[in-house]
Protein backbone atom coordinates (compact mmCIF):
# COMPACT_ATOMS: atom_id res chain seq x y z
CA MET A 1 114.83 122.16 96.77
CA GLU A 2 111.09 121.52 96.48
CA PHE A 3 111.79 118.16 98.13
CA ILE A 4 113.23 120.04 101.13
CA ALA A 5 110.17 122.31 101.33
CA ARG A 6 107.74 119.40 101.27
CA PHE A 7 109.70 117.29 103.72
CA PRO A 8 111.47 119.64 106.18
CA PHE A 9 112.11 116.72 108.57
CA SER A 10 114.15 114.84 105.95
CA LYS A 11 117.81 113.93 106.29
CA GLU A 12 118.61 116.24 103.37
CA ALA A 13 116.99 119.17 105.18
CA GLN A 14 118.86 118.45 108.39
CA GLU A 15 122.17 118.35 106.52
CA LEU A 16 121.49 121.86 105.19
CA VAL A 17 120.70 123.02 108.73
CA LYS A 18 124.06 121.75 109.93
CA GLU A 19 125.82 123.62 107.13
CA GLU A 20 124.12 126.94 107.97
CA SER A 21 124.63 126.64 111.77
CA VAL A 22 121.79 129.00 112.69
CA THR A 23 121.58 129.79 116.42
CA ILE A 24 118.40 129.86 118.50
CA GLU A 25 118.83 133.63 118.88
CA GLU A 26 118.78 133.98 115.09
CA LEU A 27 115.68 131.80 114.93
CA ALA A 28 114.03 134.17 117.41
CA TYR A 29 115.23 137.57 116.19
CA ASP A 30 116.58 137.48 112.61
CA PRO A 31 114.20 139.52 110.37
CA LEU A 32 114.96 137.18 107.47
CA LEU A 33 113.50 134.31 109.49
CA THR A 34 110.21 136.07 110.23
CA PRO A 35 108.41 133.82 107.68
CA ALA A 36 109.81 130.74 109.47
CA ARG A 37 108.46 131.99 112.81
CA MET A 38 105.07 132.56 111.18
CA ILE A 39 105.09 129.01 109.80
CA ALA A 40 105.92 127.65 113.26
CA ARG A 41 103.09 129.64 114.84
CA ARG A 42 100.60 128.47 112.22
CA LYS A 43 101.64 124.84 112.59
CA LEU A 44 101.16 124.99 116.36
CA GLU A 45 97.89 126.93 116.17
CA ARG A 46 96.42 124.47 113.68
CA SER A 47 97.71 121.57 115.78
CA ALA A 48 95.98 122.93 118.88
CA PHE A 49 92.66 123.14 117.04
CA GLY A 50 92.99 119.80 115.24
CA ARG A 51 93.44 121.41 111.83
CA VAL A 52 96.28 121.30 109.30
CA TYR A 53 98.47 124.04 107.80
CA PHE A 54 98.83 122.88 104.20
CA GLU A 55 100.71 125.76 102.57
CA VAL A 56 104.27 125.04 101.38
CA ASP A 57 106.88 127.74 100.71
CA THR A 58 108.61 126.25 97.68
CA LEU A 59 110.27 129.58 96.79
CA LYS A 60 112.26 129.64 100.05
CA PRO A 61 112.36 126.01 101.26
CA MET A 62 114.50 126.77 104.31
CA ASN A 63 111.58 128.72 105.77
CA GLU A 64 109.75 125.40 105.98
CA VAL A 65 112.75 123.70 107.56
CA TYR A 66 113.31 126.39 110.17
CA GLY A 67 109.58 126.69 110.75
CA LEU A 68 109.43 123.05 111.81
CA ILE A 69 112.58 123.42 113.92
CA ILE A 70 111.11 126.41 115.76
CA ALA A 71 107.83 124.57 116.33
CA ARG A 72 109.69 121.61 117.81
CA LEU A 73 111.82 123.84 120.04
CA ILE A 74 108.66 125.42 121.41
CA VAL A 75 107.02 122.02 121.97
CA GLU A 76 110.02 120.63 123.83
CA ASN A 77 110.31 123.74 126.00
CA ALA A 78 106.58 123.61 126.79
CA GLY A 79 106.98 120.06 128.09
CA ASP A 80 103.35 119.19 127.33
CA PRO A 81 102.92 115.63 125.95
CA LEU A 82 99.57 116.54 124.41
CA LEU A 83 101.12 119.39 122.42
CA ARG A 84 103.90 117.09 121.20
CA ASN A 85 101.30 114.54 120.08
CA MET A 86 99.28 117.26 118.39
CA LEU A 87 102.26 118.50 116.38
CA ALA A 88 103.25 114.94 115.41
CA GLU A 89 99.70 114.24 114.25
CA HIS A 90 99.63 117.55 112.36
CA GLU A 91 102.84 116.78 110.47
CA SER A 92 101.65 113.25 109.69
CA LYS A 93 98.45 114.58 108.10
CA ARG A 94 100.36 117.34 106.35
CA PHE A 95 102.67 114.73 104.87
CA MET A 96 99.70 112.83 103.43
CA TYR A 97 98.63 116.03 101.68
CA VAL A 98 101.97 117.29 100.35
CA SER A 99 103.11 113.82 99.25
CA GLN A 100 100.21 113.40 96.83
CA GLN A 101 102.19 114.96 93.99
CA THR A 102 105.50 113.37 94.98
CA SER A 103 107.04 110.74 92.72
CA ARG A 104 107.47 107.16 93.84
CA GLN A 105 111.22 107.57 93.46
CA ASP A 106 111.34 110.55 95.84
CA LEU A 107 109.21 108.70 98.40
CA LEU A 108 111.56 105.73 98.22
CA LEU A 109 114.49 108.11 98.72
CA LEU A 110 112.78 109.60 101.77
CA ALA A 111 112.08 106.17 103.24
CA ARG A 112 115.68 104.98 102.82
CA ASN A 113 117.59 108.10 103.81
CA THR A 114 115.40 109.58 106.54
CA PHE A 115 113.70 106.54 108.07
CA ASP A 116 116.30 103.87 107.28
CA MET A 117 113.69 101.62 105.67
CA ASP A 118 114.43 98.67 103.40
CA VAL A 119 112.17 99.36 100.41
CA LEU A 120 112.08 98.48 96.71
CA SER A 121 109.94 99.49 93.75
CA ASP A 122 108.22 96.53 92.11
CA GLU A 123 105.94 96.87 89.06
CA GLY A 124 104.11 99.96 90.25
CA ARG A 125 104.02 98.90 93.88
CA VAL A 126 106.39 99.27 96.81
CA ALA A 127 107.90 96.27 98.57
CA VAL A 128 108.68 96.95 102.24
CA ALA A 129 110.77 94.66 104.45
CA ILE A 130 108.56 92.88 107.00
CA PRO A 131 110.28 94.37 110.10
CA ASP A 132 109.76 97.92 108.78
CA TYR A 133 106.13 97.16 107.94
CA LEU A 134 105.41 95.70 111.37
CA ARG A 135 107.15 98.59 113.14
CA LEU A 136 104.96 101.18 111.44
CA ALA A 137 101.65 99.43 110.67
CA SER A 138 101.12 97.57 113.95
CA GLY A 139 98.75 100.23 115.29
CA PHE A 140 96.67 100.67 112.13
CA GLY A 141 92.99 99.77 112.26
CA GLY A 142 91.28 97.60 109.67
CA SER A 143 91.86 93.99 108.69
CA SER A 144 93.57 94.96 105.42
CA TRP A 145 96.69 96.02 107.35
CA LYS A 146 97.07 92.69 109.15
CA LEU A 147 100.13 90.84 107.96
CA VAL A 148 98.11 87.67 107.25
CA ASN A 149 96.01 89.63 104.72
CA ARG A 150 98.96 91.09 102.82
CA GLU A 151 100.83 89.80 99.81
CA ILE A 152 104.27 88.73 101.03
CA ARG A 153 107.19 87.54 98.92
CA GLY A 154 110.86 87.29 99.73
CA GLY A 155 110.45 88.77 103.19
CA ARG A 156 108.68 91.87 101.86
CA VAL A 157 105.14 93.24 102.09
CA PHE A 158 103.72 94.65 98.85
CA LEU A 159 101.85 97.97 99.06
CA THR A 160 100.14 100.35 96.69
CA LEU A 161 101.66 103.82 96.49
CA ASP A 162 98.87 105.27 98.66
CA GLU A 163 99.40 102.56 101.28
CA PHE A 164 103.12 103.30 101.23
CA ARG A 165 102.39 106.99 101.78
CA ARG A 166 100.25 106.04 104.80
CA LEU A 167 103.14 104.02 106.17
CA LEU A 168 105.52 106.95 105.70
CA ALA A 169 103.05 109.27 107.42
CA GLU A 170 103.27 107.04 110.47
CA ALA A 171 107.07 107.20 110.24
CA VAL A 172 106.82 111.00 110.28
CA ARG A 173 104.55 110.90 113.33
CA SER A 174 106.86 108.50 115.18
CA LYS A 175 109.90 110.65 114.40
CA LEU A 176 108.29 113.78 115.81
CA LEU A 177 107.07 111.98 118.93
CA LYS A 178 110.64 111.36 120.08
CA PRO A 179 111.51 113.88 122.83
CA GLU A 180 114.47 116.18 122.30
CA LYS A 181 116.49 118.34 124.67
CA ALA A 182 114.35 121.19 125.98
CA PRO A 183 116.12 124.52 125.29
CA ASP A 184 115.67 127.90 126.95
CA LEU A 185 113.60 130.09 124.64
CA PRO A 186 114.34 133.73 123.79
CA PRO A 187 111.35 136.01 124.54
CA PRO A 188 109.85 136.04 121.00
CA LEU A 189 109.62 132.23 120.96
CA ALA A 190 108.50 132.07 124.59
CA GLU A 191 105.65 134.39 123.67
CA ILE A 192 104.49 132.00 120.96
CA ARG A 193 104.78 129.09 123.43
CA ASP A 194 102.57 130.84 125.98
CA GLU A 195 99.91 131.64 123.38
CA ILE A 196 99.83 128.03 122.16
CA LEU A 197 99.71 126.60 125.69
CA THR A 198 96.68 128.79 126.39
CA MET A 199 94.96 127.22 123.38
CA VAL A 200 95.91 123.70 124.47
CA SER A 201 94.69 124.41 128.00
CA ALA A 202 91.31 125.47 126.64
CA ARG A 203 91.09 122.20 124.71
CA LYS A 204 91.95 120.18 127.81
CA LYS A 205 89.21 121.87 129.81
CA ARG A 206 86.68 120.64 127.27
CA ARG A 207 87.43 117.03 128.15
CA GLY A 208 84.82 117.19 130.86
CA VAL A 209 84.60 113.87 132.69
CA LYS A 210 87.53 112.74 134.85
CA ARG A 211 85.80 110.23 137.10
CA TRP A 212 87.22 106.74 137.42
CA LYS A 213 85.38 103.44 137.86
CA LYS A 214 86.78 100.85 140.25
CA THR A 215 85.32 98.15 138.03
CA LEU A 216 87.58 99.01 135.07
CA LEU A 217 90.34 96.57 134.22
CA PRO A 218 93.87 97.88 134.90
CA CYS A 219 94.63 97.84 131.17
CA ILE A 220 91.56 100.00 130.48
CA LYS A 221 92.61 102.44 133.20
CA LYS A 222 96.01 102.62 131.52
CA LEU A 223 94.36 103.43 128.18
CA LEU A 224 92.50 106.26 129.91
CA ASP A 225 95.79 107.50 131.34
CA ASP A 226 97.49 107.27 127.93
CA LEU A 227 94.60 109.16 126.36
CA SER A 228 94.78 111.91 128.99
CA ARG A 229 98.46 112.44 128.08
CA GLY A 230 97.51 112.96 124.46
CA GLU A 231 98.83 109.66 123.14
CA ASN A 232 97.40 108.48 119.84
CA LEU A 233 95.65 105.18 120.68
CA SER A 234 95.35 102.46 118.06
CA HIS A 235 91.96 101.65 116.55
CA LYS A 236 91.68 98.50 118.68
CA ALA A 237 92.64 100.38 121.84
CA ARG A 238 89.98 103.00 121.14
CA PHE A 239 87.33 100.35 120.59
CA ALA A 240 88.31 98.52 123.77
CA LEU A 241 88.26 101.73 125.80
CA ALA A 242 84.89 102.93 124.46
CA ALA A 243 83.24 99.51 124.86
CA HIS A 244 84.46 99.08 128.44
CA LEU A 245 83.44 102.61 129.41
CA LEU A 246 79.96 102.10 127.99
CA ARG A 247 79.61 98.86 129.94
CA SER A 248 80.80 100.66 133.10
CA GLY A 249 78.08 103.29 132.90
CA TYR A 250 79.70 106.17 131.05
CA SER A 251 77.36 107.99 128.68
CA GLU A 252 78.18 108.51 125.01
CA ASP A 253 78.71 112.24 125.61
CA GLU A 254 81.12 111.54 128.47
CA ILE A 255 83.17 109.19 126.32
CA VAL A 256 83.31 111.68 123.45
CA ASP A 257 84.56 114.30 125.91
CA LEU A 258 87.32 111.97 127.07
CA PHE A 259 88.45 111.42 123.49
CA ARG A 260 88.96 115.16 123.04
CA ALA A 261 92.44 114.57 124.43
CA ALA A 262 93.36 112.54 121.32
CA PRO A 263 95.68 114.53 119.02
CA ASP A 264 93.57 113.59 115.96
CA PHE A 265 90.20 114.18 117.66
CA ASN A 266 87.30 114.66 115.28
CA GLU A 267 84.01 115.11 117.12
CA ARG A 268 81.76 113.98 114.28
CA VAL A 269 83.72 110.78 113.63
CA THR A 270 84.21 110.02 117.33
CA ARG A 271 80.55 110.54 118.17
CA TYR A 272 79.49 108.30 115.29
CA GLN A 273 81.87 105.50 116.27
CA VAL A 274 80.92 105.59 119.97
CA SER A 275 77.25 105.63 118.98
CA GLN A 276 77.72 102.58 116.76
CA ILE A 277 79.40 100.63 119.57
CA ALA A 278 76.53 101.52 121.90
CA ARG A 279 73.73 100.96 119.39
CA ARG A 280 74.99 97.60 118.17
CA GLY A 281 75.69 96.41 121.69
CA TYR A 282 79.27 95.34 121.08
CA LYS A 283 80.65 93.46 124.06
CA PRO A 284 83.89 94.78 125.58
CA PRO A 285 86.86 92.62 124.60
CA GLY A 286 87.89 90.22 127.38
CA CYS A 287 91.34 89.47 128.74
CA GLU A 288 92.25 86.96 126.04
CA ARG A 289 91.34 89.36 123.24
CA LEU A 290 93.12 92.26 124.97
CA ARG A 291 96.26 90.11 125.24
CA SER A 292 96.09 89.24 121.54
CA TRP A 293 95.83 92.96 120.77
CA GLY A 294 98.90 93.74 122.87
CA LEU A 295 96.91 95.74 125.44
CA CYS A 296 97.32 93.43 128.43
CA LEU A 297 99.56 94.65 131.26
CA GLY A 298 100.75 91.15 132.13
CA ASP A 299 102.14 90.82 135.64
CA GLU A 300 100.94 94.33 136.49
CA CYS A 301 97.36 93.03 136.37
CA GLU A 302 95.89 91.13 139.34
CA LEU A 303 93.65 89.11 137.04
CA TYR A 304 96.70 88.02 135.04
CA ARG A 305 98.65 87.08 138.17
CA GLY A 306 95.59 85.30 139.53
CA GLY A 307 95.70 82.66 136.85
CA ARG A 308 93.83 84.08 133.86
CA LYS A 309 96.85 83.82 131.58
């Protein structure tokens, strides 16, 4: 049952939920589920402030399961993409923490049963089928994640256990980013929703700059739009956006404020990275580089239609 507590999104956890058939009214009012409601509130509060709720109730694992279910119900009812991204990012980081003491065998079980991944254990490492690797690692920054820099044999990519955990954390994030049916919330859960939305609204107001530059490429404008909706941009997308904004006259402070919308925003790290791009004078990536990074809009872009293909 400790497996269920650590991974409340797992297939095994969802099977137990089906067996118990708990209603949304019970989730909202049942005194026995008060700890689950507290877990949901803490998850959402930490998500809104960019922090992580690390505690795990291993004595009563279903509290963790129902806590995540309640948090997701509230997110879907709120209908705020930024809040959904925040919760997904929170659970991804939480996974990295709680999975540290998890055996390789349990992680393989999680990958196969919950995420339908084709994985094998191989002499202390994990061999992941290429399609699964590409699906999850395509947005990772750093050259070490590029397929050309990986050891590949028999159609599989070989990873260390920590790299495999990072891949699974992305699978967790992707799973929680998928929208679900928005339910009507009983008053106790609606109250939590309203409190969390107030926190998220305060974070949004701190973004500051909302001006647009006519000189920005359409793909860069789209990245700004994606960022404003709370989407988690890839490392390359963040670099491209920051470099183009700097070239267009945005100050470092203005760019940092824009990145506050990112679900994993860390002011110290963001400020350092933007400062490095500015200080070293990195040139914004051009159309060819943006296309190679998968950021080009293709026919939606006038430059693309005009012949720069």
